Amino acid sequence: MLKAHNSSAIIAVSDLDRAREFYGETLGLQQSGGGDDQPLTFSTGDTTLVVYPSEFAGTNKANAVVWGVGCELRSIVADLRAKGVTFERYEMEGATFADGVHWFGDFGAAWFKDPDGNLLHLNSGD
């Protein structure tokens, strides 16, 4: 039924201007639509990330978006840390933690929050 249709991530935020700066400038996503009081859209790979205003922004405590960045994980995390992004640290069995990344053998995962507290995830998968 839905397997032939594209999907996109959608994130609730409390302030569109602040979100535009974070997603556009800090994360380096290209805004592809929206503005003023309209939801913002950003191009990310072959997909779209939609950011919309909501009084419920930041209430989801699970991953909102995940990016599989492959072997670029370390460099992307370092670039984001240089821009002031703080990475979460979780205690997980079998994981080591270094420079913002949790390592499970050769697989790395990093979590950080947007200004509203939405949980964003990077990992070394493709």
PDB file of N, CA and C in Angstrom:
ATOM      1  N   MET A   1       0.818  -1.194   0.000  1.00  0.00           N
ATOM      2  CA  MET A   1       0.000   0.000   0.000  1.00  0.00           C
ATOM      3  C   MET A   1       0.867   1.265   0.000  1.00  0.00           C
ATOM      4  N   LEU A   2       1.804   1.404   0.959  1.00  0.00           N
ATOM      5  CA  LEU A   2       2.602   2.624   1.040  1.00  0.00           C
ATOM      6  C   LEU A   2       4.028   2.462   0.528  1.00  0.00           C
ATOM      7  N   LYS A   3       4.422   1.242   0.176  1.00  0.00           N
ATOM      8  CA  LYS A   3       5.827   0.993  -0.162  1.00  0.00           C
ATOM      9  C   LYS A   3       6.332   1.773  -1.375  1.00  0.00           C
ATOM     10  N   ALA A   4       5.478   2.206  -2.239  1.00  0.00           N
ATOM     11  CA  ALA A   4       5.904   2.943  -3.428  1.00  0.00           C
ATOM     12  C   ALA A   4       5.849   4.458  -3.246  1.00  0.00           C
ATOM     13  N   HIS A   5       5.514   4.897  -2.038  1.00  0.00           N
ATOM     14  CA  HIS A   5       5.353   6.327  -1.779  1.00  0.00           C
ATOM     15  C   HIS A   5       6.473   6.856  -0.896  1.00  0.00           C
ATOM     16  N   ASN A   6       6.925   8.071  -1.184  1.00  0.00           N
ATOM     17  CA  ASN A   6       7.949   8.708  -0.368  1.00  0.00           C
ATOM     18  C   ASN A   6       7.390   9.098   0.985  1.00  0.00           C
ATOM     19  N   SER A   7       8.279   9.189   1.965  1.00  0.00           N
ATOM     20  CA  SER A   7       7.900   9.702   3.274  1.00  0.00           C
ATOM     21  C   SER A   7       8.897  10.789   3.647  1.00  0.00           C
ATOM     22  N   SER A   8       8.571  11.554   4.671  1.00  0.00           N
ATOM     23  CA  SER A   8       9.488  12.574   5.146  1.00  0.00           C
ATOM     24  C   SER A   8       9.367  12.669   6.657  1.00  0.00           C
ATOM     25  N   ALA A   9      10.402  13.182   7.280  1.00  0.00           N
ATOM     26  CA  ALA A   9      10.363  13.419   8.721  1.00  0.00           C
ATOM     27  C   ALA A   9       9.687  14.761   8.959  1.00  0.00           C
ATOM     28  N   ILE A  10       9.023  14.880  10.103  1.00  0.00           N
ATOM     29  CA  ILE A  10       8.347  16.122  10.461  1.00  0.00           C
ATOM     30  C   ILE A  10       8.616  16.389  11.937  1.00  0.00           C
ATOM     31  N   ILE A  11       9.018  17.619  12.240  1.00  0.00           N
ATOM     32  CA  ILE A  11       9.421  17.976  13.597  1.00  0.00           C
ATOM     33  C   ILE A  11       8.670  19.222  14.040  1.00  0.00           C
ATOM     34  N   ALA A  12       8.134  19.161  15.257  1.00  0.00           N
ATOM     35  CA  ALA A  12       7.449  20.305  15.848  1.00  0.00           C
ATOM     36  C   ALA A  12       8.461  21.207  16.542  1.00  0.00           C
ATOM     37  N   VAL A  13       8.328  22.515  16.326  1.00  0.00           N
ATOM     38  CA  VAL A  13       9.199  23.501  16.970  1.00  0.00           C
ATOM     39  C   VAL A  13       8.350  24.633  17.532  1.00  0.00           C
ATOM     40  N   SER A  14       8.914  25.364  18.479  1.00  0.00           N
ATOM     41  CA  SER A  14       8.167  26.479  19.064  1.00  0.00           C
ATOM     42  C   SER A  14       8.450  27.805  18.372  1.00  0.00           C
ATOM     43  N   ASP A  15       9.566  27.908  17.649  1.00  0.00           N
ATOM     44  CA  ASP A  15       9.975  29.166  17.037  1.00  0.00           C
ATOM     45  C   ASP A  15      10.582  28.885  15.658  1.00  0.00           C
ATOM     46  N   LEU A  16       9.876  29.271  14.594  1.00  0.00           N
ATOM     47  CA  LEU A  16      10.344  28.987  13.236  1.00  0.00           C
ATOM     48  C   LEU A  16      11.654  29.701  12.897  1.00  0.00           C
ATOM     49  N   ASP A  17      11.838  30.919  13.376  1.00  0.00           N
ATOM     50  CA  ASP A  17      13.086  31.631  13.080  1.00  0.00           C
ATOM     51  C   ASP A  17      14.278  30.918  13.716  1.00  0.00           C
ATOM     52  N   ARG A  18      14.127  30.510  14.968  1.00  0.00           N
ATOM     53  CA  ARG A  18      15.192  29.779  15.650  1.00  0.00           C
ATOM     54  C   ARG A  18      15.448  28.447  14.965  1.00  0.00           C
ATOM     55  N   ALA A  19      14.385  27.774  14.533  1.00  0.00           N
ATOM     56  CA  ALA A  19      14.528  26.495  13.828  1.00  0.00           C
ATOM     57  C   ALA A  19      15.221  26.688  12.483  1.00  0.00           C
ATOM     58  N   ARG A  20      14.883  27.751  11.771  1.00  0.00           N
ATOM     59  CA  ARG A  20      15.529  28.043  10.481  1.00  0.00           C
ATOM     60  C   ARG A  20      17.036  28.195  10.680  1.00  0.00           C
ATOM     61  N   GLU A  21      17.430  28.888  11.713  1.00  0.00           N
ATOM     62  CA  GLU A  21      18.854  29.081  11.994  1.00  0.00           C
ATOM     63  C   GLU A  21      19.525  27.757  12.367  1.00  0.00           C
ATOM     64  N   PHE A  22      18.896  26.980  13.238  1.00  0.00           N
ATOM     65  CA  PHE A  22      19.499  25.718  13.678  1.00  0.00           C
ATOM     66  C   PHE A  22      19.598  24.709  12.535  1.00  0.00           C
ATOM     67  N   TYR A  23      18.486  24.450  11.866  1.00  0.00           N
ATOM     68  CA  TYR A  23      18.493  23.434  10.805  1.00  0.00           C
ATOM     69  C   TYR A  23      19.239  23.911   9.563  1.00  0.00           C
ATOM     70  N   GLY A  24      19.129  25.194   9.254  1.00  0.00           N
ATOM     71  CA  GLY A  24      19.793  25.724   8.073  1.00  0.00           C
ATOM     72  C   GLY A  24      21.264  26.022   8.291  1.00  0.00           C
ATOM     73  N   GLU A  25      21.573  26.785   9.326  1.00  0.00           N
ATOM     74  CA  GLU A  25      22.956  27.206   9.530  1.00  0.00           C
ATOM     75  C   GLU A  25      23.771  26.193  10.334  1.00  0.00           C
ATOM     76  N   THR A  26      23.255  25.757  11.481  1.00  0.00           N
ATOM     77  CA  THR A  26      24.021  24.838  12.318  1.00  0.00           C
ATOM     78  C   THR A  26      24.166  23.476  11.652  1.00  0.00           C
ATOM     79  N   LEU A  27      23.046  22.915  11.161  1.00  0.00           N
ATOM     80  CA  LEU A  27      23.107  21.586  10.542  1.00  0.00           C
ATOM     81  C   LEU A  27      23.456  21.640   9.065  1.00  0.00           C
ATOM     82  N   GLY A  28      23.359  22.815   8.456  1.00  0.00           N
ATOM     83  CA  GLY A  28      23.752  22.967   7.060  1.00  0.00           C
ATOM     84  C   GLY A  28      22.753  22.433   6.048  1.00  0.00           C
ATOM     85  N   LEU A  29      21.480  22.350   6.432  1.00  0.00           N
ATOM     86  CA  LEU A  29      20.453  21.884   5.494  1.00  0.00           C
ATOM     87  C   LEU A  29      19.994  23.043   4.613  1.00  0.00           C
ATOM     88  N   GLN A  30      19.644  22.748   3.384  1.00  0.00           N
ATOM     89  CA  GLN A  30      19.167  23.753   2.436  1.00  0.00           C
ATOM     90  C   GLN A  30      17.655  23.894   2.567  1.00  0.00           C
ATOM     91  N   GLN A  31      17.174  25.103   2.906  1.00  0.00           N
ATOM     92  CA  GLN A  31      15.736  25.316   2.974  1.00  0.00           C
ATOM     93  C   GLN A  31      15.173  25.249   1.574  1.00  0.00           C
ATOM     94  N   SER A  32      14.122  24.453   1.402  1.00  0.00           N
ATOM     95  CA  SER A  32      13.542  24.268   0.081  1.00  0.00           C
ATOM     96  C   SER A  32      12.128  24.820  -0.034  1.00  0.00           C
ATOM     97  N   GLY A  33      11.588  25.335   1.060  1.00  0.00           N
ATOM     98  CA  GLY A  33      10.251  25.896   1.008  1.00  0.00           C
ATOM     99  C   GLY A  33       9.810  26.418   2.355  1.00  0.00           C
ATOM    100  N   GLY A  34       8.642  27.031   2.349  1.00  0.00           N
ATOM    101  CA  GLY A  34       8.059  27.546   3.580  1.00  0.00           C
ATOM    102  C   GLY A  34       8.604  28.904   3.953  1.00  0.00           C
ATOM    103  N   GLY A  35       8.147  29.372   5.072  1.00  0.00           N
ATOM    104  CA  GLY A  35       8.585  30.665   5.574  1.00  0.00           C
ATOM    105  C   GLY A  35       7.450  31.397   6.226  1.00  0.00           C
ATOM    106  N   ASP A  36       7.746  32.569   6.774  1.00  0.00           N
ATOM    107  CA  ASP A  36       6.785  33.358   7.536  1.00  0.00           C
ATOM    108  C   ASP A  36       6.136  32.458   8.580  1.00  0.00           C
ATOM    109  N   ASP A  37       4.832  32.282   8.521  1.00  0.00           N
ATOM    110  CA  ASP A  37       4.150  31.421   9.486  1.00  0.00           C
ATOM    111  C   ASP A  37       3.886  30.032   8.919  1.00  0.00           C
ATOM    112  N   GLN A  38       4.465  29.725   7.772  1.00  0.00           N
ATOM    113  CA  GLN A  38       4.257  28.433   7.117  1.00  0.00           C
ATOM    114  C   GLN A  38       5.348  27.448   7.554  1.00  0.00           C
ATOM    115  N   PRO A  39       5.045  26.158   7.568  1.00  0.00           N
ATOM    116  CA  PRO A  39       6.082  25.167   7.885  1.00  0.00           C
ATOM    117  C   PRO A  39       7.287  25.334   6.951  1.00  0.00           C
ATOM    118  N   LEU A  40       8.464  25.071   7.493  1.00  0.00           N
ATOM    119  CA  LEU A  40       9.704  25.125   6.720  1.00  0.00           C
ATOM    120  C   LEU A  40       9.994  23.741   6.175  1.00  0.00           C
ATOM    121  N   THR A  41      10.533  23.681   4.983  1.00  0.00           N
ATOM    122  CA  THR A  41      10.991  22.395   4.449  1.00  0.00           C
ATOM    123  C   THR A  41      12.476  22.531   4.127  1.00  0.00           C
ATOM    124  N   PHE A  42      13.211  21.463   4.418  1.00  0.00           N
ATOM    125  CA  PHE A  42      14.635  21.410   4.159  1.00  0.00           C
ATOM    126  C   PHE A  42      14.945  20.164   3.359  1.00  0.00           C
ATOM    127  N   SER A  43      15.812  20.293   2.384  1.00  0.00           N
ATOM    128  CA  SER A  43      16.278  19.132   1.622  1.00  0.00           C
ATOM    129  C   SER A  43      17.367  18.441   2.429  1.00  0.00           C
ATOM    130  N   THR A  44      17.285  17.120   2.494  1.00  0.00           N
ATOM    131  CA  THR A  44      18.280  16.323   3.199  1.00  0.00           C
ATOM    132  C   THR A  44      18.412  14.999   2.456  1.00  0.00           C
ATOM    133  N   GLY A  45      19.483  14.868   1.680  1.00  0.00           N
ATOM    134  CA  GLY A  45      19.621  13.692   0.826  1.00  0.00           C
ATOM    135  C   GLY A  45      18.510  13.690  -0.206  1.00  0.00           C
ATOM    136  N   ASP A  46      17.856  12.549  -0.356  1.00  0.00           N
ATOM    137  CA  ASP A  46      16.739  12.417  -1.302  1.00  0.00           C
ATOM    138  C   ASP A  46      15.392  12.633  -0.625  1.00  0.00           C
ATOM    139  N   THR A  47      15.408  13.171   0.591  1.00  0.00           N
ATOM    140  CA  THR A  47      14.167  13.319   1.354  1.00  0.00           C
ATOM    141  C   THR A  47      13.968  14.771   1.764  1.00  0.00           C
ATOM    142  N   THR A  48      12.876  15.002   2.456  1.00  0.00           N
ATOM    143  CA  THR A  48      12.530  16.331   2.951  1.00  0.00           C
ATOM    144  C   THR A  48      12.287  16.267   4.451  1.00  0.00           C
ATOM    145  N   LEU A  49      12.774  17.263   5.147  1.00  0.00           N
ATOM    146  CA  LEU A  49      12.502  17.431   6.565  1.00  0.00           C
ATOM    147  C   LEU A  49      11.555  18.613   6.694  1.00  0.00           C
ATOM    148  N   VAL A  50      10.408  18.400   7.321  1.00  0.00           N
ATOM    149  CA  VAL A  50       9.411  19.446   7.516  1.00  0.00           C
ATOM    150  C   VAL A  50       9.482  19.897   8.974  1.00  0.00           C
ATOM    151  N   VAL A  51       9.549  21.196   9.180  1.00  0.00           N
ATOM    152  CA  VAL A  51       9.606  21.784  10.514  1.00  0.00           C
ATOM    153  C   VAL A  51       8.407  22.715  10.637  1.00  0.00           C
ATOM    154  N   TYR A  52       7.569  22.469  11.631  1.00  0.00           N
ATOM    155  CA  TYR A  52       6.335  23.235  11.750  1.00  0.00           C
ATOM    156  C   TYR A  52       6.133  23.721  13.183  1.00  0.00           C
ATOM    157  N   PRO A  53       5.434  24.848  13.353  1.00  0.00           N
ATOM    158  CA  PRO A  53       5.197  25.362  14.704  1.00  0.00           C
ATOM    159  C   PRO A  53       4.116  24.560  15.422  1.00  0.00           C
ATOM    160  N   SER A  54       4.375  24.291  16.709  1.00  0.00           N
ATOM    161  CA  SER A  54       3.406  23.553  17.507  1.00  0.00           C
ATOM    162  C   SER A  54       3.635  23.847  18.986  1.00  0.00           C
ATOM    163  N   GLU A  55       2.565  23.920  19.728  1.00  0.00           N
ATOM    164  CA  GLU A  55       2.674  24.084  21.177  1.00  0.00           C
ATOM    165  C   GLU A  55       3.223  22.817  21.832  1.00  0.00           C
ATOM    166  N   PHE A  56       3.298  21.724  21.098  1.00  0.00           N
ATOM    167  CA  PHE A  56       3.793  20.459  21.642  1.00  0.00           C
ATOM    168  C   PHE A  56       5.251  20.196  21.273  1.00  0.00           C
ATOM    169  N   ALA A  57       5.955  21.204  20.795  1.00  0.00           N
ATOM    170  CA  ALA A  57       7.357  21.067  20.389  1.00  0.00           C
ATOM    171  C   ALA A  57       8.191  20.491  21.530  1.00  0.00           C
ATOM    172  N   GLY A  58       9.052  19.538  21.179  1.00  0.00           N
ATOM    173  CA  GLY A  58       9.992  18.979  22.136  1.00  0.00           C
ATOM    174  C   GLY A  58       9.424  17.982  23.121  1.00  0.00           C
ATOM    175  N   THR A  59       8.179  17.583  22.963  1.00  0.00           N
ATOM    176  CA  THR A  59       7.587  16.654  23.928  1.00  0.00           C
ATOM    177  C   THR A  59       7.838  15.191  23.583  1.00  0.00           C
ATOM    178  N   ASN A  60       8.309  14.914  22.373  1.00  0.00           N
ATOM    179  CA  ASN A  60       8.647  13.547  21.981  1.00  0.00           C
ATOM    180  C   ASN A  60      10.008  13.205  22.573  1.00  0.00           C
ATOM    181  N   LYS A  61      10.112  12.143  23.330  1.00  0.00           N
ATOM    182  CA  LYS A  61      11.373  11.771  23.967  1.00  0.00           C
ATOM    183  C   LYS A  61      12.111  10.678  23.192  1.00  0.00           C
ATOM    184  N   ALA A  62      11.614  10.343  22.021  1.00  0.00           N
ATOM    185  CA  ALA A  62      12.253   9.339  21.162  1.00  0.00           C
ATOM    186  C   ALA A  62      12.921  10.050  19.985  1.00  0.00           C
ATOM    187  N   ASN A  63      13.675   9.297  19.185  1.00  0.00           N
ATOM    188  CA  ASN A  63      14.311   9.876  18.001  1.00  0.00           C
ATOM    189  C   ASN A  63      13.269  10.531  17.106  1.00  0.00           C
ATOM    190  N   ALA A  64      13.552  11.758  16.681  1.00  0.00           N
ATOM    191  CA  ALA A  64      12.669  12.447  15.742  1.00  0.00           C
ATOM    192  C   ALA A  64      13.166  12.255  14.315  1.00  0.00           C
ATOM    193  N   VAL A  65      14.486  12.277  14.136  1.00  0.00           N
ATOM    194  CA  VAL A  65      15.104  12.133  12.814  1.00  0.00           C
ATOM    195  C   VAL A  65      16.392  11.352  12.993  1.00  0.00           C
ATOM    196  N   VAL A  66      16.700  10.498  12.024  1.00  0.00           N
ATOM    197  CA  VAL A  66      17.990   9.801  12.024  1.00  0.00           C
ATOM    198  C   VAL A  66      18.643   9.981  10.656  1.00  0.00           C
ATOM    199  N   TRP A  67      19.937  10.237  10.677  1.00  0.00           N
ATOM    200  CA  TRP A  67      20.722  10.326   9.457  1.00  0.00           C
ATOM    201  C   TRP A  67      21.784   9.244   9.490  1.00  0.00           C
ATOM    202  N   GLY A  68      21.812   8.382   8.490  1.00  0.00           N
ATOM    203  CA  GLY A  68      22.897   7.431   8.315  1.00  0.00           C
ATOM    204  C   GLY A  68      23.989   8.131   7.525  1.00  0.00           C
ATOM    205  N   VAL A  69      25.106   8.434   8.174  1.00  0.00           N
ATOM    206  CA  VAL A  69      26.138   9.260   7.544  1.00  0.00           C
ATOM    207  C   VAL A  69      27.405   8.468   7.223  1.00  0.00           C
ATOM    208  N   GLY A  70      27.373   7.168   7.444  1.00  0.00           N
ATOM    209  CA  GLY A  70      28.506   6.323   7.080  1.00  0.00           C
ATOM    210  C   GLY A  70      29.796   6.726   7.765  1.00  0.00           C
ATOM    211  N   CYS A  71      30.884   6.677   7.012  1.00  0.00           N
ATOM    212  CA  CYS A  71      32.217   6.938   7.555  1.00  0.00           C
ATOM    213  C   CYS A  71      32.438   8.409   7.900  1.00  0.00           C
ATOM    214  N   GLU A  72      31.489   9.284   7.604  1.00  0.00           N
ATOM    215  CA  GLU A  72      31.614  10.708   7.933  1.00  0.00           C
ATOM    216  C   GLU A  72      31.190  11.027   9.368  1.00  0.00           C
ATOM    217  N   LEU A  73      30.753  10.010  10.123  1.00  0.00           N
ATOM    218  CA  LEU A  73      30.206  10.257  11.457  1.00  0.00           C
ATOM    219  C   LEU A  73      31.149  11.084  12.327  1.00  0.00           C
ATOM    220  N   ARG A  74      32.393  10.663  12.456  1.00  0.00           N
ATOM    221  CA  ARG A  74      33.340  11.386  13.324  1.00  0.00           C
ATOM    222  C   ARG A  74      33.511  12.840  12.890  1.00  0.00           C
ATOM    223  N   SER A  75      33.668  13.083  11.602  1.00  0.00           N
ATOM    224  CA  SER A  75      33.910  14.453  11.143  1.00  0.00           C
ATOM    225  C   SER A  75      32.661  15.317  11.298  1.00  0.00           C
ATOM    226  N   ILE A  76      31.485  14.760  11.054  1.00  0.00           N
ATOM    227  CA  ILE A  76      30.247  15.536  11.220  1.00  0.00           C
ATOM    228  C   ILE A  76      30.043  15.883  12.689  1.00  0.00           C
ATOM    229  N   VAL A  77      30.256  14.926  13.574  1.00  0.00           N
ATOM    230  CA  VAL A  77      30.119  15.191  15.008  1.00  0.00           C
ATOM    231  C   VAL A  77      31.111  16.282  15.426  1.00  0.00           C
ATOM    232  N   ALA A  78      32.348  16.193  14.961  1.00  0.00           N
ATOM    233  CA  ALA A  78      33.353  17.206  15.301  1.00  0.00           C
ATOM    234  C   ALA A  78      32.935  18.583  14.789  1.00  0.00           C
ATOM    235  N   ASP A  79      32.419  18.659  13.563  1.00  0.00           N
ATOM    236  CA  ASP A  79      31.968  19.937  13.003  1.00  0.00           C
ATOM    237  C   ASP A  79      30.808  20.519  13.817  1.00  0.00           C
ATOM    238  N   LEU A  80      29.860  19.671  14.200  1.00  0.00           N
ATOM    239  CA  LEU A  80      28.720  20.152  14.978  1.00  0.00           C
ATOM    240  C   LEU A  80      29.150  20.579  16.380  1.00  0.00           C
ATOM    241  N   ARG A  81      30.059  19.841  16.982  1.00  0.00           N
ATOM    242  CA  ARG A  81      30.572  20.235  18.304  1.00  0.00           C
ATOM    243  C   ARG A  81      31.244  21.598  18.216  1.00  0.00           C
ATOM    244  N   ALA A  82      31.971  21.845  17.132  1.00  0.00           N
ATOM    245  CA  ALA A  82      32.638  23.138  16.942  1.00  0.00           C
ATOM    246  C   ALA A  82      31.623  24.275  16.813  1.00  0.00           C
ATOM    247  N   LYS A  83      30.406  23.944  16.380  1.00  0.00           N
ATOM    248  CA  LYS A  83      29.334  24.941  16.258  1.00  0.00           C
ATOM    249  C   LYS A  83      28.517  25.056  17.543  1.00  0.00           C
ATOM    250  N   GLY A  84      28.934  24.337  18.593  1.00  0.00           N
ATOM    251  CA  GLY A  84      28.264  24.442  19.884  1.00  0.00           C
ATOM    252  C   GLY A  84      27.215  23.384  20.172  1.00  0.00           C
ATOM    253  N   VAL A  85      27.055  22.405  19.293  1.00  0.00           N
ATOM    254  CA  VAL A  85      26.084  21.336  19.540  1.00  0.00           C
ATOM    255  C   VAL A  85      26.629  20.428  20.637  1.00  0.00           C
ATOM    256  N   THR A  86      25.781  20.117  21.599  1.00  0.00           N
ATOM    257  CA  THR A  86      26.128  19.227  22.698  1.00  0.00           C
ATOM    258  C   THR A  86      25.549  17.852  22.418  1.00  0.00           C
ATOM    259  N   PHE A  87      26.364  16.831  22.542  1.00  0.00           N
ATOM    260  CA  PHE A  87      25.918  15.466  22.287  1.00  0.00           C
ATOM    261  C   PHE A  87      25.543  14.772  23.589  1.00  0.00           C
ATOM    262  N   GLU A  88      24.503  13.964  23.503  1.00  0.00           N
ATOM    263  CA  GLU A  88      23.997  13.226  24.651  1.00  0.00           C
ATOM    264  C   GLU A  88      24.920  12.044  24.954  1.00  0.00           C
ATOM    265  N   ARG A  89      24.968  11.672  26.221  1.00  0.00           N
ATOM    266  CA  ARG A  89      25.705  10.470  26.617  1.00  0.00           C
ATOM    267  C   ARG A  89      24.753   9.568  27.373  1.00  0.00           C
ATOM    268  N   TYR A  90      24.639   8.330  26.892  1.00  0.00           N
ATOM    269  CA  TYR A  90      23.757   7.350  27.504  1.00  0.00           C
ATOM    270  C   TYR A  90      24.587   6.162  27.963  1.00  0.00           C
ATOM    271  N   GLU A  91      24.175   5.567  29.054  1.00  0.00           N
ATOM    272  CA  GLU A  91      24.811   4.337  29.520  1.00  0.00           C
ATOM    273  C   GLU A  91      24.128   3.174  28.814  1.00  0.00           C
ATOM    274  N   MET A  92      24.876   2.488  27.958  1.00  0.00           N
ATOM    275  CA  MET A  92      24.339   1.349  27.226  1.00  0.00           C
ATOM    276  C   MET A  92      25.333   0.203  27.305  1.00  0.00           C
ATOM    277  N   GLU A  93      24.818  -0.940  27.630  1.00  0.00           N
ATOM    278  CA  GLU A  93      25.673  -2.123  27.758  1.00  0.00           C
ATOM    279  C   GLU A  93      26.399  -2.409  26.441  1.00  0.00           C
ATOM    280  N   GLY A  94      27.694  -2.629  26.541  1.00  0.00           N
ATOM    281  CA  GLY A  94      28.492  -2.969  25.375  1.00  0.00           C
ATOM    282  C   GLY A  94      28.966  -1.782  24.570  1.00  0.00           C
ATOM    283  N   ALA A  95      28.617  -0.578  25.001  1.00  0.00           N
ATOM    284  CA  ALA A  95      29.005   0.619  24.251  1.00  0.00           C
ATOM    285  C   ALA A  95      30.175   1.322  24.926  1.00  0.00           C
ATOM    286  N   THR A  96      31.037   1.895  24.102  1.00  0.00           N
ATOM    287  CA  THR A  96      32.042   2.825  24.596  1.00  0.00           C
ATOM    288  C   THR A  96      31.638   4.207  24.102  1.00  0.00           C
ATOM    289  N   PHE A  97      32.169   5.239  24.726  1.00  0.00           N
ATOM    290  CA  PHE A  97      31.801   6.609  24.364  1.00  0.00           C
ATOM    291  C   PHE A  97      33.061   7.433  24.198  1.00  0.00           C
ATOM    292  N   ALA A  98      33.190   8.106  23.070  1.00  0.00           N
ATOM    293  CA  ALA A  98      34.343   8.969  22.830  1.00  0.00           C
ATOM    294  C   ALA A  98      33.947  10.115  21.916  1.00  0.00           C
ATOM    295  N   ASP A  99      34.265  11.325  22.320  1.00  0.00           N
ATOM    296  CA  ASP A  99      34.067  12.520  21.492  1.00  0.00           C
ATOM    297  C   ASP A  99      32.643  12.670  20.961  1.00  0.00           C
ATOM    298  N   GLY A 100      31.657  12.340  21.789  1.00  0.00           N
ATOM    299  CA  GLY A 100      30.259  12.516  21.410  1.00  0.00           C
ATOM    300  C   GLY A 100      29.621  11.324  20.724  1.00  0.00           C
ATOM    301  N   VAL A 101      30.396  10.256  20.495  1.00  0.00           N
ATOM    302  CA  VAL A 101      29.882   9.095  19.757  1.00  0.00           C
ATOM    303  C   VAL A 101      29.896   7.854  20.648  1.00  0.00           C
ATOM    304  N   HIS A 102      28.783   7.119  20.626  1.00  0.00           N
ATOM    305  CA  HIS A 102      28.699   5.811  21.262  1.00  0.00           C
ATOM    306  C   HIS A 102      29.144   4.776  20.241  1.00  0.00           C
ATOM    307  N   TRP A 103      30.047   3.901  20.629  1.00  0.00           N
ATOM    308  CA  TRP A 103      30.555   2.871  19.715  1.00  0.00           C
ATOM    309  C   TRP A 103      30.148   1.496  20.184  1.00  0.00           C
ATOM    310  N   PHE A 104      29.620   0.741  19.265  1.00  0.00           N
ATOM    311  CA  PHE A 104      29.256  -0.656  19.463  1.00  0.00           C
ATOM    312  C   PHE A 104      30.102  -1.431  18.459  1.00  0.00           C
ATOM    313  N   GLY A 105      31.355  -1.684  18.804  1.00  0.00           N
ATOM    314  CA  GLY A 105      32.274  -2.257  17.819  1.00  0.00           C
ATOM    315  C   GLY A 105      32.550  -1.214  16.751  1.00  0.00           C
ATOM    316  N   ASP A 106      32.275  -1.551  15.495  1.00  0.00           N
ATOM    317  CA  ASP A 106      32.512  -0.634  14.381  1.00  0.00           C
ATOM    318  C   ASP A 106      31.336   0.303  14.094  1.00  0.00           C
ATOM    319  N   PHE A 107      30.207   0.085  14.769  1.00  0.00           N
ATOM    320  CA  PHE A 107      29.013   0.901  14.543  1.00  0.00           C
ATOM    321  C   PHE A 107      28.983   2.058  15.539  1.00  0.00           C
ATOM    322  N   GLY A 108      28.842   3.284  15.030  1.00  0.00           N
ATOM    323  CA  GLY A 108      28.784   4.458  15.882  1.00  0.00           C
ATOM    324  C   GLY A 108      27.427   5.127  15.828  1.00  0.00           C
ATOM    325  N   ALA A 109      27.044   5.726  16.945  1.00  0.00           N
ATOM    326  CA  ALA A 109      25.772   6.444  17.033  1.00  0.00           C
ATOM    327  C   ALA A 109      25.948   7.664  17.927  1.00  0.00           C
ATOM    328  N   ALA A 110      25.363   8.768  17.517  1.00  0.00           N
ATOM    329  CA  ALA A 110      25.433  10.003  18.293  1.00  0.00           C
ATOM    330  C   ALA A 110      24.053  10.645  18.324  1.00  0.00           C
ATOM    331  N   TRP A 111      23.697  11.175  19.486  1.00  0.00           N
ATOM    332  CA  TRP A 111      22.407  11.832  19.657  1.00  0.00           C
ATOM    333  C   TRP A 111      22.623  13.254  20.157  1.00  0.00           C
ATOM    334  N   PHE A 112      21.810  14.180  19.655  1.00  0.00           N
ATOM    335  CA  PHE A 112      21.831  15.554  20.115  1.00  0.00           C
ATOM    336  C   PHE A 112      20.433  16.114  19.985  1.00  0.00           C
ATOM    337  N   LYS A 113      20.205  17.261  20.624  1.00  0.00           N
ATOM    338  CA  LYS A 113      18.876  17.862  20.621  1.00  0.00           C
ATOM    339  C   LYS A 113      18.876  19.183  19.875  1.00  0.00           C
ATOM    340  N   ASP A 114      17.740  19.466  19.238  1.00  0.00           N
ATOM    341  CA  ASP A 114      17.557  20.782  18.631  1.00  0.00           C
ATOM    342  C   ASP A 114      17.166  21.763  19.744  1.00  0.00           C
ATOM    343  N   PRO A 115      17.000  23.041  19.447  1.00  0.00           N
ATOM    344  CA  PRO A 115      16.681  24.009  20.505  1.00  0.00           C
ATOM    345  C   PRO A 115      15.389  23.727  21.280  1.00  0.00           C
ATOM    346  N   ASP A 116      14.473  22.946  20.710  1.00  0.00           N
ATOM    347  CA  ASP A 116      13.244  22.600  21.414  1.00  0.00           C
ATOM    348  C   ASP A 116      13.343  21.289  22.183  1.00  0.00           C
ATOM    349  N   GLY A 117      14.469  20.604  22.075  1.00  0.00           N
ATOM    350  CA  GLY A 117      14.635  19.335  22.776  1.00  0.00           C
ATOM    351  C   GLY A 117      14.272  18.123  21.947  1.00  0.00           C
ATOM    352  N   ASN A 118      13.980  18.301  20.653  1.00  0.00           N
ATOM    353  CA  ASN A 118      13.729  17.155  19.776  1.00  0.00           C
ATOM    354  C   ASN A 118      15.030  16.374  19.630  1.00  0.00           C
ATOM    355  N   LEU A 119      14.962  15.069  19.748  1.00  0.00           N
ATOM    356  CA  LEU A 119      16.142  14.212  19.720  1.00  0.00           C
ATOM    357  C   LEU A 119      16.496  13.817  18.283  1.00  0.00           C
ATOM    358  N   LEU A 120      17.709  14.202  17.875  1.00  0.00           N
ATOM    359  CA  LEU A 120      18.203  13.934  16.529  1.00  0.00           C
ATOM    360  C   LEU A 120      19.348  12.931  16.630  1.00  0.00           C
ATOM    361  N   HIS A 121      19.469  12.054  15.649  1.00  0.00           N
ATOM    362  CA  HIS A 121      20.373  10.906  15.738  1.00  0.00           C
ATOM    363  C   HIS A 121      21.201  10.806  14.468  1.00  0.00           C
ATOM    364  N   LEU A 122      22.500  10.620  14.648  1.00  0.00           N
ATOM    365  CA  LEU A 122      23.415  10.321  13.548  1.00  0.00           C
ATOM    366  C   LEU A 122      23.992   8.948  13.803  1.00  0.00           C
ATOM    367  N   ASN A 123      24.198   8.164  12.732  1.00  0.00           N
ATOM    368  CA  ASN A 123      24.877   6.898  12.940  1.00  0.00           C
ATOM    369  C   ASN A 123      25.742   6.569  11.723  1.00  0.00           C
ATOM    370  N   SER A 124      26.587   5.571  11.923  1.00  0.00           N
ATOM    371  CA  SER A 124      27.557   5.230  10.889  1.00  0.00           C
ATOM    372  C   SER A 124      26.993   4.305   9.826  1.00  0.00           C
ATOM    373  N   GLY A 125      25.692   4.054   9.868  1.00  0.00           N
ATOM    374  CA  GLY A 125      25.053   3.286   8.792  1.00  0.00           C
ATOM    375  C   GLY A 125      24.860   4.148   7.571  1.00  0.00           C
ATOM    376  N   ASP A 126      24.578   3.535   6.457  1.00  0.00           N
ATOM    377  CA  ASP A 126      24.328   4.299   5.217  1.00  0.00           C
ATOM    378  C   ASP A 126      22.861   4.334   4.885  1.00  0.00           C
TER     379      ASP A 126
END
